[in-house]
PDB file of all heavy atoms in Angstrom:
ATOM      1  N   ALA A   1     -19.169 -10.352   0.284  1.00  0.00           N
ATOM      2  CA  ALA A   1     -19.212 -10.873   1.660  1.00  0.00           C
ATOM      3  C   ALA A   1     -20.630 -11.508   1.933  1.00  0.00           C
ATOM      4  O   ALA A   1     -20.628 -12.386   2.772  1.00  0.00           O
ATOM      5  CB  ALA A   1     -18.833  -9.824   2.666  1.00  0.00           C
ATOM      6  N   GLN A   2     -21.606 -10.998   1.358  1.00  0.00           N
ATOM      7  CA  GLN A   2     -23.026 -11.451   1.544  1.00  0.00           C
ATOM      8  C   GLN A   2     -23.150 -12.885   1.208  1.00  0.00           C
ATOM      9  O   GLN A   2     -23.866 -13.610   1.948  1.00  0.00           O
ATOM     10  CB  GLN A   2     -23.950 -10.538   0.923  1.00  0.00           C
ATOM     11  CG  GLN A   2     -23.921  -9.106   1.358  1.00  0.00           C
ATOM     12  CD  GLN A   2     -24.904  -8.222   0.383  1.00  0.00           C
ATOM     13  OE1 GLN A   2     -25.614  -8.765  -0.396  1.00  0.00           O
ATOM     14  NE2 GLN A   2     -24.868  -6.916   0.649  1.00  0.00           N
ATOM     15  N   ASP A   3     -22.582 -13.337   0.064  1.00  0.00           N
ATOM     16  CA  ASP A   3     -22.761 -14.661  -0.333  1.00  0.00           C
ATOM     17  C   ASP A   3     -21.541 -15.600  -0.226  1.00  0.00           C
ATOM     18  O   ASP A   3     -21.599 -16.768  -0.418  1.00  0.00           O
ATOM     19  CB  ASP A   3     -23.245 -14.655  -1.765  1.00  0.00           C
ATOM     20  CG  ASP A   3     -24.491 -13.896  -1.865  1.00  0.00           C
ATOM     21  OD1 ASP A   3     -25.403 -14.115  -1.077  1.00  0.00           O
ATOM     22  OD2 ASP A   3     -24.621 -13.101  -2.829  1.00  0.00           O
ATOM     23  N   ALA A   4     -20.361 -14.927   0.000  1.00  0.00           N
ATOM     24  CA  ALA A   4     -19.057 -15.689   0.054  1.00  0.00           C
ATOM     25  C   ALA A   4     -18.135 -15.186   1.196  1.00  0.00           C
ATOM     26  O   ALA A   4     -17.251 -14.418   0.937  1.00  0.00           O
ATOM     27  CB  ALA A   4     -18.345 -15.563  -1.308  1.00  0.00           C
ATOM     28  N   PRO A   5     -18.521 -15.675   2.515  1.00  0.00           N
ATOM     29  CA  PRO A   5     -17.646 -15.197   3.565  1.00  0.00           C
ATOM     30  C   PRO A   5     -16.228 -15.517   3.461  1.00  0.00           C
ATOM     31  O   PRO A   5     -15.330 -14.818   3.967  1.00  0.00           O
ATOM     32  CB  PRO A   5     -18.323 -15.947   4.811  1.00  0.00           C
ATOM     33  CG  PRO A   5     -19.090 -17.096   4.108  1.00  0.00           C
ATOM     34  CD  PRO A   5     -19.501 -16.677   2.870  1.00  0.00           C
ATOM     35  N   LEU A   6     -15.876 -16.601   2.961  1.00  0.00           N
ATOM     36  CA  LEU A   6     -14.450 -16.987   2.738  1.00  0.00           C
ATOM     37  C   LEU A   6     -13.738 -16.021   1.844  1.00  0.00           C
ATOM     38  O   LEU A   6     -12.529 -15.588   2.060  1.00  0.00           O
ATOM     39  CB  LEU A   6     -14.338 -18.405   2.209  1.00  0.00           C
ATOM     40  CG  LEU A   6     -14.624 -19.503   3.170  1.00  0.00           C
ATOM     41  CD1 LEU A   6     -14.504 -20.847   2.569  1.00  0.00           C
ATOM     42  CD2 LEU A   6     -13.898 -19.418   4.467  1.00  0.00           C
ATOM     43  N   VAL A   7     -14.468 -15.584   0.768  1.00  0.00           N
ATOM     44  CA  VAL A   7     -13.870 -14.534  -0.107  1.00  0.00           C
ATOM     45  C   VAL A   7     -13.659 -13.252   0.768  1.00  0.00           C
ATOM     46  O   VAL A   7     -12.623 -12.537   0.522  1.00  0.00           O
ATOM     47  CB  VAL A   7     -14.813 -14.326  -1.329  1.00  0.00           C
ATOM     48  CG1 VAL A   7     -14.277 -13.080  -2.226  1.00  0.00           C
ATOM     49  CG2 VAL A   7     -14.916 -15.501  -2.194  1.00  0.00           C
ATOM     50  N   ALA A   8     -14.618 -12.942   1.550  1.00  0.00           N
ATOM     51  CA  ALA A   8     -14.517 -11.671   2.354  1.00  0.00           C
ATOM     52  C   ALA A   8     -13.338 -11.595   3.214  1.00  0.00           C
ATOM     53  O   ALA A   8     -12.873 -10.581   3.565  1.00  0.00           O
ATOM     54  CB  ALA A   8     -15.768 -11.535   3.138  1.00  0.00           C
ATOM     55  N   ILE A   9     -12.893 -12.786   3.687  1.00  0.00           N
ATOM     56  CA  ILE A   9     -11.764 -12.821   4.513  1.00  0.00           C
ATOM     57  C   ILE A   9     -10.411 -13.010   3.774  1.00  0.00           C
ATOM     58  O   ILE A   9      -9.546 -12.209   3.986  1.00  0.00           O
ATOM     59  CB  ILE A   9     -11.814 -13.896   5.558  1.00  0.00           C
ATOM     60  CG1 ILE A   9     -13.035 -13.796   6.540  1.00  0.00           C
ATOM     61  CG2 ILE A   9     -10.549 -14.115   6.347  1.00  0.00           C
ATOM     62  CD1 ILE A   9     -13.253 -14.890   7.526  1.00  0.00           C
ATOM     63  N   GLY A  10     -10.462 -13.958   2.824  1.00  0.00           N
ATOM     64  CA  GLY A  10      -9.152 -14.285   2.178  1.00  0.00           C
ATOM     65  C   GLY A  10      -8.654 -13.251   1.100  1.00  0.00           C
ATOM     66  O   GLY A  10      -7.580 -12.880   1.087  1.00  0.00           O
ATOM     67  N   VAL A  11      -9.637 -12.690   0.300  1.00  0.00           N
ATOM     68  CA  VAL A  11      -9.338 -11.800  -0.721  1.00  0.00           C
ATOM     69  C   VAL A  11      -8.704 -10.432  -0.045  1.00  0.00           C
ATOM     70  O   VAL A  11      -7.663 -10.010  -0.566  1.00  0.00           O
ATOM     71  CB  VAL A  11     -10.419 -11.448  -1.703  1.00  0.00           C
ATOM     72  CG1 VAL A  11     -10.033 -10.400  -2.606  1.00  0.00           C
ATOM     73  CG2 VAL A  11     -10.833 -12.751  -2.454  1.00  0.00           C
ATOM     74  N   PRO A  12      -9.373  -9.888   0.915  1.00  0.00           N
ATOM     75  CA  PRO A  12      -8.768  -8.677   1.523  1.00  0.00           C
ATOM     76  C   PRO A  12      -7.283  -8.935   2.030  1.00  0.00           C
ATOM     77  O   PRO A  12      -6.503  -7.958   1.931  1.00  0.00           O
ATOM     78  CB  PRO A  12      -9.747  -8.314   2.538  1.00  0.00           C
ATOM     79  CG  PRO A  12     -11.003  -8.901   2.237  1.00  0.00           C
ATOM     80  CD  PRO A  12     -10.693 -10.160   1.622  1.00  0.00           C
ATOM     81  N   LEU A  13      -7.144 -10.114   2.691  1.00  0.00           N
ATOM     82  CA  LEU A  13      -5.795 -10.343   3.111  1.00  0.00           C
ATOM     83  C   LEU A  13      -4.803 -10.360   2.061  1.00  0.00           C
ATOM     84  O   LEU A  13      -3.706  -9.815   2.231  1.00  0.00           O
ATOM     85  CB  LEU A  13      -5.803 -11.687   3.971  1.00  0.00           C
ATOM     86  CG  LEU A  13      -6.621 -11.689   5.253  1.00  0.00           C
ATOM     87  CD1 LEU A  13      -6.481 -13.014   5.938  1.00  0.00           C
ATOM     88  CD2 LEU A  13      -6.201 -10.594   6.188  1.00  0.00           C
ATOM     89  N   ILE A  14      -5.169 -10.975   0.943  1.00  0.00           N
ATOM     90  CA  ILE A  14      -4.160 -11.109  -0.130  1.00  0.00           C
ATOM     91  C   ILE A  14      -3.974  -9.743  -0.768  1.00  0.00           C
ATOM     92  O   ILE A  14      -2.783  -9.366  -1.065  1.00  0.00           O
ATOM     93  CB  ILE A  14      -4.662 -12.068  -1.256  1.00  0.00           C
ATOM     94  CG1 ILE A  14      -4.829 -13.475  -0.718  1.00  0.00           C
ATOM     95  CG2 ILE A  14      -3.920 -11.961  -2.487  1.00  0.00           C
ATOM     96  CD1 ILE A  14      -5.532 -14.457  -1.629  1.00  0.00           C
ATOM     97  N   LEU A  15      -4.969  -8.916  -0.906  1.00  0.00           N
ATOM     98  CA  LEU A  15      -4.882  -7.669  -1.533  1.00  0.00           C
ATOM     99  C   LEU A  15      -4.080  -6.690  -0.625  1.00  0.00           C
ATOM    100  O   LEU A  15      -3.096  -5.970  -1.090  1.00  0.00           O
ATOM    101  CB  LEU A  15      -6.247  -7.006  -1.810  1.00  0.00           C
ATOM    102  CG  LEU A  15      -7.093  -7.701  -2.934  1.00  0.00           C
ATOM    103  CD1 LEU A  15      -8.439  -7.117  -2.995  1.00  0.00           C
ATOM    104  CD2 LEU A  15      -6.364  -7.619  -4.159  1.00  0.00           C
ATOM    105  N   PHE A  16      -4.327  -6.690   0.754  1.00  0.00           N
ATOM    106  CA  PHE A  16      -3.674  -5.806   1.638  1.00  0.00           C
ATOM    107  C   PHE A  16      -2.160  -6.301   1.692  1.00  0.00           C
ATOM    108  O   PHE A  16      -1.192  -5.411   1.962  1.00  0.00           O
ATOM    109  CB  PHE A  16      -4.257  -5.817   2.972  1.00  0.00           C
ATOM    110  CG  PHE A  16      -5.499  -4.853   3.066  1.00  0.00           C
ATOM    111  CD1 PHE A  16      -6.699  -5.399   3.228  1.00  0.00           C
ATOM    112  CD2 PHE A  16      -5.295  -3.516   2.968  1.00  0.00           C
ATOM    113  CE1 PHE A  16      -7.822  -4.561   3.374  1.00  0.00           C
ATOM    114  CE2 PHE A  16      -6.351  -2.616   2.954  1.00  0.00           C
ATOM    115  CZ  PHE A  16      -7.581  -3.181   3.215  1.00  0.00           C
ATOM    116  N   PHE A  17      -1.869  -7.525   1.523  1.00  0.00           N
ATOM    117  CA  PHE A  17      -0.560  -8.084   1.629  1.00  0.00           C
ATOM    118  C   PHE A  17       0.242  -7.446   0.370  1.00  0.00           C
ATOM    119  O   PHE A  17       1.322  -6.968   0.531  1.00  0.00           O
ATOM    120  CB  PHE A  17      -0.501  -9.635   1.578  1.00  0.00           C
ATOM    121  CG  PHE A  17       0.846 -10.099   1.441  1.00  0.00           C
ATOM    122  CD1 PHE A  17       1.801 -10.067   2.549  1.00  0.00           C
ATOM    123  CD2 PHE A  17       1.372 -10.713   0.290  1.00  0.00           C
ATOM    124  CE1 PHE A  17       3.042 -10.540   2.390  1.00  0.00           C
ATOM    125  CE2 PHE A  17       2.591 -11.206   0.120  1.00  0.00           C
ATOM    126  CZ  PHE A  17       3.483 -11.103   1.165  1.00  0.00           C
ATOM    127  N   ILE A  18      -0.334  -7.527  -0.803  1.00  0.00           N
ATOM    128  CA  ILE A  18       0.203  -6.903  -2.011  1.00  0.00           C
ATOM    129  C   ILE A  18       0.438  -5.448  -1.748  1.00  0.00           C
ATOM    130  O   ILE A  18       1.519  -5.006  -2.151  1.00  0.00           O
ATOM    131  CB  ILE A  18      -0.729  -7.209  -3.210  1.00  0.00           C
ATOM    132  CG1 ILE A  18      -0.775  -8.721  -3.449  1.00  0.00           C
ATOM    133  CG2 ILE A  18      -0.064  -6.523  -4.435  1.00  0.00           C
ATOM    134  CD1 ILE A  18      -1.706  -9.082  -4.498  1.00  0.00           C
ATOM    135  N   LEU A  19      -0.631  -4.719  -1.186  1.00  0.00           N
ATOM    136  CA  LEU A  19      -0.471  -3.387  -0.958  1.00  0.00           C
ATOM    137  C   LEU A  19       0.713  -3.113   0.011  1.00  0.00           C
ATOM    138  O   LEU A  19       1.446  -2.095  -0.215  1.00  0.00           O
ATOM    139  CB  LEU A  19      -1.720  -2.854  -0.434  1.00  0.00           C
ATOM    140  CG  LEU A  19      -1.788  -1.256  -0.170  1.00  0.00           C
ATOM    141  CD1 LEU A  19      -1.665  -0.525  -1.464  1.00  0.00           C
ATOM    142  CD2 LEU A  19      -3.178  -0.911   0.490  1.00  0.00           C
ATOM    143  N   ASP A  20       0.687  -3.899   0.959  1.00  0.00           N
ATOM    144  CA  ASP A  20       1.778  -3.683   2.021  1.00  0.00           C
ATOM    145  C   ASP A  20       3.289  -3.874   1.391  1.00  0.00           C
ATOM    146  O   ASP A  20       4.188  -3.080   1.742  1.00  0.00           O
ATOM    147  CB  ASP A  20       1.587  -4.682   3.219  1.00  0.00           C
ATOM    148  CG  ASP A  20       2.539  -4.412   4.317  1.00  0.00           C
ATOM    149  OD1 ASP A  20       2.636  -3.222   4.812  1.00  0.00           O
ATOM    150  OD2 ASP A  20       3.197  -5.331   4.804  1.00  0.00           O
ATOM    151  N   VAL A  21       3.454  -4.831   0.620  1.00  0.00           N
ATOM    152  CA  VAL A  21       4.652  -5.079  -0.120  1.00  0.00           C
ATOM    153  C   VAL A  21       5.003  -3.834  -0.989  1.00  0.00           C
ATOM    154  O   VAL A  21       6.101  -3.355  -0.952  1.00  0.00           O
ATOM    155  CB  VAL A  21       4.603  -6.257  -1.023  1.00  0.00           C
ATOM    156  CG1 VAL A  21       5.917  -6.423  -1.847  1.00  0.00           C
ATOM    157  CG2 VAL A  21       4.502  -7.582  -0.147  1.00  0.00           C
ATOM    158  N   GLY A  22       4.055  -3.316  -1.811  1.00  0.00           N
ATOM    159  CA  GLY A  22       4.296  -2.157  -2.641  1.00  0.00           C
ATOM    160  C   GLY A  22       4.636  -0.999  -1.836  1.00  0.00           C
ATOM    161  O   GLY A  22       5.330  -0.142  -2.347  1.00  0.00           O
ATOM    162  N   LEU A  23       4.111  -0.739  -0.680  1.00  0.00           N
ATOM    163  CA  LEU A  23       4.349   0.445   0.126  1.00  0.00           C
ATOM    164  C   LEU A  23       5.549   0.267   1.102  1.00  0.00           C
ATOM    165  O   LEU A  23       5.763   1.151   1.914  1.00  0.00           O
ATOM    166  CB  LEU A  23       3.141   0.758   0.919  1.00  0.00           C
ATOM    167  CG  LEU A  23       1.854   1.151   0.050  1.00  0.00           C
ATOM    168  CD1 LEU A  23       0.639   1.506   1.021  1.00  0.00           C
ATOM    169  CD2 LEU A  23       2.133   2.323  -0.859  1.00  0.00           C
ATOM    170  N   THR A  24       6.227  -0.714   0.960  1.00  0.00           N
ATOM    171  CA  THR A  24       7.379  -0.977   1.812  1.00  0.00           C
ATOM    172  C   THR A  24       8.209   0.226   2.138  1.00  0.00           C
ATOM    173  O   THR A  24       8.608   0.572   3.227  1.00  0.00           O
ATOM    174  CB  THR A  24       8.320  -2.260   1.454  1.00  0.00           C
ATOM    175  OG1 THR A  24       7.451  -3.337   1.384  1.00  0.00           O
ATOM    176  CG2 THR A  24       9.374  -2.424   2.433  1.00  0.00           C
ATOM    177  N   PHE A  25       8.646   0.858   1.069  1.00  0.00           N
ATOM    178  CA  PHE A  25       9.702   1.869   1.166  1.00  0.00           C
ATOM    179  C   PHE A  25       8.931   3.223   0.771  1.00  0.00           C
ATOM    180  O   PHE A  25       9.544   4.245   0.758  1.00  0.00           O
ATOM    181  CB  PHE A  25      10.835   1.698   0.254  1.00  0.00           C
ATOM    182  CG  PHE A  25      11.551   0.455   0.675  1.00  0.00           C
ATOM    183  CD1 PHE A  25      11.723  -0.524  -0.278  1.00  0.00           C
ATOM    184  CD2 PHE A  25      12.284   0.436   1.853  1.00  0.00           C
ATOM    185  CE1 PHE A  25      12.446  -1.722   0.068  1.00  0.00           C
ATOM    186  CE2 PHE A  25      12.906  -0.693   2.226  1.00  0.00           C
ATOM    187  CZ  PHE A  25      13.058  -1.792   1.319  1.00  0.00           C
ATOM    188  N   VAL A  26       7.576   3.199   0.446  1.00  0.00           N
ATOM    189  CA  VAL A  26       6.857   4.435   0.199  1.00  0.00           C
ATOM    190  C   VAL A  26       6.706   5.207   1.355  1.00  0.00           C
ATOM    191  O   VAL A  26       6.869   6.521   1.402  1.00  0.00           O
ATOM    192  CB  VAL A  26       5.565   4.141  -0.505  1.00  0.00           C
ATOM    193  CG1 VAL A  26       4.656   5.416  -0.664  1.00  0.00           C
ATOM    194  CG2 VAL A  26       5.747   3.416  -1.879  1.00  0.00           C
ATOM    195  N   THR A  27       6.307   4.603   2.513  1.00  0.00           N
ATOM    196  CA  THR A  27       6.162   5.238   3.739  1.00  0.00           C
ATOM    197  C   THR A  27       7.375   5.848   4.265  1.00  0.00           C
ATOM    198  O   THR A  27       7.323   7.068   4.804  1.00  0.00           O
ATOM    199  CB  THR A  27       5.369   4.400   4.813  1.00  0.00           C
ATOM    200  OG1 THR A  27       5.960   3.064   4.687  1.00  0.00           O
ATOM    201  CG2 THR A  27       3.901   4.317   4.437  1.00  0.00           C
ATOM    202  N   PRO A  28       8.467   5.188   4.263  1.00  0.00           N
ATOM    203  CA  PRO A  28       9.687   5.861   4.742  1.00  0.00           C
ATOM    204  C   PRO A  28      10.151   6.998   3.810  1.00  0.00           C
ATOM    205  O   PRO A  28      10.619   7.982   4.285  1.00  0.00           O
ATOM    206  CB  PRO A  28      10.743   4.765   4.680  1.00  0.00           C
ATOM    207  CG  PRO A  28      10.111   3.451   4.741  1.00  0.00           C
ATOM    208  CD  PRO A  28       8.706   3.680   4.076  1.00  0.00           C
ATOM    209  N   ALA A  29       9.892   6.841   2.528  1.00  0.00           N
ATOM    210  CA  ALA A  29      10.184   7.988   1.630  1.00  0.00           C
ATOM    211  C   ALA A  29       9.313   9.189   1.918  1.00  0.00           C
ATOM    212  O   ALA A  29       9.751  10.338   1.911  1.00  0.00           O
ATOM    213  CB  ALA A  29       9.896   7.477   0.162  1.00  0.00           C
ATOM    214  N   LEU A  30       8.060   9.018   2.302  1.00  0.00           N
ATOM    215  CA  LEU A  30       7.200  10.121   2.579  1.00  0.00           C
ATOM    216  C   LEU A  30       7.574  10.745   4.019  1.00  0.00           C
ATOM    217  O   LEU A  30       7.348  11.847   4.173  1.00  0.00           O
ATOM    218  CB  LEU A  30       5.726   9.565   2.709  1.00  0.00           C
ATOM    219  CG  LEU A  30       4.633  10.553   2.657  1.00  0.00           C
ATOM    220  CD1 LEU A  30       4.787  11.334   1.294  1.00  0.00           C
ATOM    221  CD2 LEU A  30       3.316   9.982   2.709  1.00  0.00           C
ATOM    222  N   THR A  31       8.273   9.872   4.766  1.00  0.00           N
ATOM    223  CA  THR A  31       8.696  10.360   6.131  1.00  0.00           C
ATOM    224  C   THR A  31      10.039  11.131   5.956  1.00  0.00           C
ATOM    225  O   THR A  31      10.250  12.153   6.640  1.00  0.00           O
ATOM    226  CB  THR A  31       8.858   9.220   7.103  1.00  0.00           C
ATOM    227  OG1 THR A  31       7.623   8.569   7.185  1.00  0.00           O
ATOM    228  CG2 THR A  31       9.279   9.755   8.396  1.00  0.00           C
ATOM    229  N   PHE A  32      10.977  10.616   5.268  1.00  0.00           N
ATOM    230  CA  PHE A  32      12.230  11.137   5.273  1.00  0.00           C
ATOM    231  C   PHE A  32      12.762  11.875   4.011  1.00  0.00           C
ATOM    232  O   PHE A  32      13.667  12.642   4.108  1.00  0.00           O
ATOM    233  CB  PHE A  32      13.292   9.934   5.488  1.00  0.00           C
ATOM    234  CG  PHE A  32      13.045   9.171   6.735  1.00  0.00           C
ATOM    235  CD1 PHE A  32      12.839   7.795   6.568  1.00  0.00           C
ATOM    236  CD2 PHE A  32      13.020   9.667   7.932  1.00  0.00           C
ATOM    237  CE1 PHE A  32      12.598   7.034   7.786  1.00  0.00           C
ATOM    238  CE2 PHE A  32      12.840   9.055   9.131  1.00  0.00           C
ATOM    239  CZ  PHE A  32      12.582   7.637   9.002  1.00  0.00           C
ATOM    240  N   SER A  33      12.157  11.564   2.947  1.00  0.00           N
ATOM    241  CA  SER A  33      12.756  12.171   1.719  1.00  0.00           C
ATOM    242  C   SER A  33      11.884  13.277   1.019  1.00  0.00           C
ATOM    243  O   SER A  33      12.365  14.150   0.193  1.00  0.00           O
ATOM    244  CB  SER A  33      13.048  11.038   0.741  1.00  0.00           C
ATOM    245  OG  SER A  33      13.889  10.013   1.244  1.00  0.00           O
ATOM    246  N   THR A  34      10.562  13.133   1.022  1.00  0.00           N
ATOM    247  CA  THR A  34       9.720  14.048   0.351  1.00  0.00           C
ATOM    248  C   THR A  34       8.350  14.152   0.994  1.00  0.00           C
ATOM    249  O   THR A  34       7.914  13.246   1.735  1.00  0.00           O
ATOM    250  CB  THR A  34       9.536  13.542  -1.139  1.00  0.00           C
ATOM    251  OG1 THR A  34       8.639  14.463  -1.843  1.00  0.00           O
ATOM    252  CG2 THR A  34       8.885  12.165  -1.099  1.00  0.00           C
ATOM    253  N   SER A  35       7.734  15.382   0.743  1.00  0.00           N
ATOM    254  CA  SER A  35       6.272  15.399   1.290  1.00  0.00           C
ATOM    255  C   SER A  35       5.240  15.199   0.241  1.00  0.00           C
ATOM    256  O   SER A  35       4.070  15.235   0.420  1.00  0.00           O
ATOM    257  CB  SER A  35       6.135  16.787   1.865  1.00  0.00           C
ATOM    258  OG  SER A  35       6.277  17.816   0.942  1.00  0.00           O
ATOM    259  N   SER A  36       5.690  14.812  -0.987  1.00  0.00           N
ATOM    260  CA  SER A  36       4.892  14.583  -2.143  1.00  0.00           C
ATOM    261  C   SER A  36       4.496  13.055  -2.110  1.00  0.00           C
ATOM    262  O   SER A  36       5.441  12.250  -2.227  1.00  0.00           O
ATOM    263  CB  SER A  36       5.505  15.022  -3.379  1.00  0.00           C
ATOM    264  OG  SER A  36       4.823  14.432  -4.513  1.00  0.00           O
ATOM    265  N   ALA A  37       3.181  12.763  -2.055  1.00  0.00           N
ATOM    266  CA  ALA A  37       2.785  11.395  -2.157  1.00  0.00           C
ATOM    267  C   ALA A  37       3.233  10.737  -3.505  1.00  0.00           C
ATOM    268  O   ALA A  37       3.631   9.500  -3.468  1.00  0.00           O
ATOM    269  CB  ALA A  37       1.284  11.312  -1.902  1.00  0.00           C
ATOM    270  N   ARG A  38       3.151  11.482  -4.612  1.00  0.00           N
ATOM    271  CA  ARG A  38       3.491  10.901  -5.854  1.00  0.00           C
ATOM    272  C   ARG A  38       5.068  10.628  -5.968  1.00  0.00           C
ATOM    273  O   ARG A  38       5.508   9.522  -6.396  1.00  0.00           O
ATOM    274  CB  ARG A  38       3.080  11.889  -6.916  1.00  0.00           C
ATOM    275  CG  ARG A  38       1.578  11.997  -7.187  1.00  0.00           C
ATOM    276  CD  ARG A  38       1.281  12.889  -8.410  1.00  0.00           C
ATOM    277  NE  ARG A  38      -0.242  13.005  -8.570  1.00  0.00           N
ATOM    278  CZ  ARG A  38      -1.005  12.078  -9.227  1.00  0.00           C
ATOM    279  NH1 ARG A  38      -0.409  11.085  -9.729  1.00  0.00           N
ATOM    280  NH2 ARG A  38      -2.287  12.394  -9.247  1.00  0.00           N
ATOM    281  N   SER A  39       5.815  11.572  -5.414  1.00  0.00           N
ATOM    282  CA  SER A  39       7.206  11.292  -5.427  1.00  0.00           C
ATOM    283  C   SER A  39       7.563  10.122  -4.577  1.00  0.00           C
ATOM    284  O   SER A  39       8.484   9.374  -4.847  1.00  0.00           O
ATOM    285  CB  SER A  39       7.957  12.632  -4.953  1.00  0.00           C
ATOM    286  OG  SER A  39       7.805  13.709  -5.935  1.00  0.00           O
ATOM    287  N   ALA A  40       6.985  10.139  -3.329  1.00  0.00           N
ATOM    288  CA  ALA A  40       7.213   8.981  -2.397  1.00  0.00           C
ATOM    289  C   ALA A  40       6.857   7.661  -2.983  1.00  0.00           C
ATOM    290  O   ALA A  40       7.577   6.662  -2.929  1.00  0.00           O
ATOM    291  CB  ALA A  40       6.438   9.204  -1.152  1.00  0.00           C
ATOM    292  N   LEU A  41       5.779   7.570  -3.801  1.00  0.00           N
ATOM    293  CA  LEU A  41       5.362   6.375  -4.452  1.00  0.00           C
ATOM    294  C   LEU A  41       6.468   5.959  -5.478  1.00  0.00           C
ATOM    295  O   LEU A  41       6.764   4.765  -5.619  1.00  0.00           O
ATOM    296  CB  LEU A  41       4.055   6.497  -5.140  1.00  0.00           C
ATOM    297  CG  LEU A  41       3.285   5.343  -5.540  1.00  0.00           C
ATOM    298  CD1 LEU A  41       2.967   4.459  -4.351  1.00  0.00           C
ATOM    299  CD2 LEU A  41       1.991   5.702  -6.200  1.00  0.00           C
ATOM    300  N   SER A  42       6.925   7.054  -6.225  1.00  0.00           N
ATOM    301  CA  SER A  42       7.905   6.731  -7.188  1.00  0.00           C
ATOM    302  C   SER A  42       9.230   6.232  -6.558  1.00  0.00           C
ATOM    303  O   SER A  42       9.852   5.206  -7.076  1.00  0.00           O
ATOM    304  CB  SER A  42       8.245   7.911  -8.105  1.00  0.00           C
ATOM    305  OG  SER A  42       9.197   7.745  -8.987  1.00  0.00           O
ATOM    306  N   ILE A  43       9.665   7.015  -5.538  1.00  0.00           N
ATOM    307  CA  ILE A  43      10.967   6.545  -4.817  1.00  0.00           C
ATOM    308  C   ILE A  43      10.738   5.123  -4.207  1.00  0.00           C
ATOM    309  O   ILE A  43      11.651   4.300  -4.352  1.00  0.00           O
ATOM    310  CB  ILE A  43      11.150   7.542  -3.637  1.00  0.00           C
ATOM    311  CG1 ILE A  43      11.614   8.908  -4.257  1.00  0.00           C
ATOM    312  CG2 ILE A  43      12.379   7.099  -2.820  1.00  0.00           C
ATOM    313  CD1 ILE A  43      11.655   9.995  -3.278  1.00  0.00           C
TER     314      ILE A  43
END
């Protein structure tokens, strides 16, 4: 971010979007199906 402000904005948005897609059903699994984070990630 010190030398590339556009990278500081664009890259986090892309990474968090990917993370959000991957966790789409992980958080419901952790809420409704299991209390184990590893199991929720697998489900």
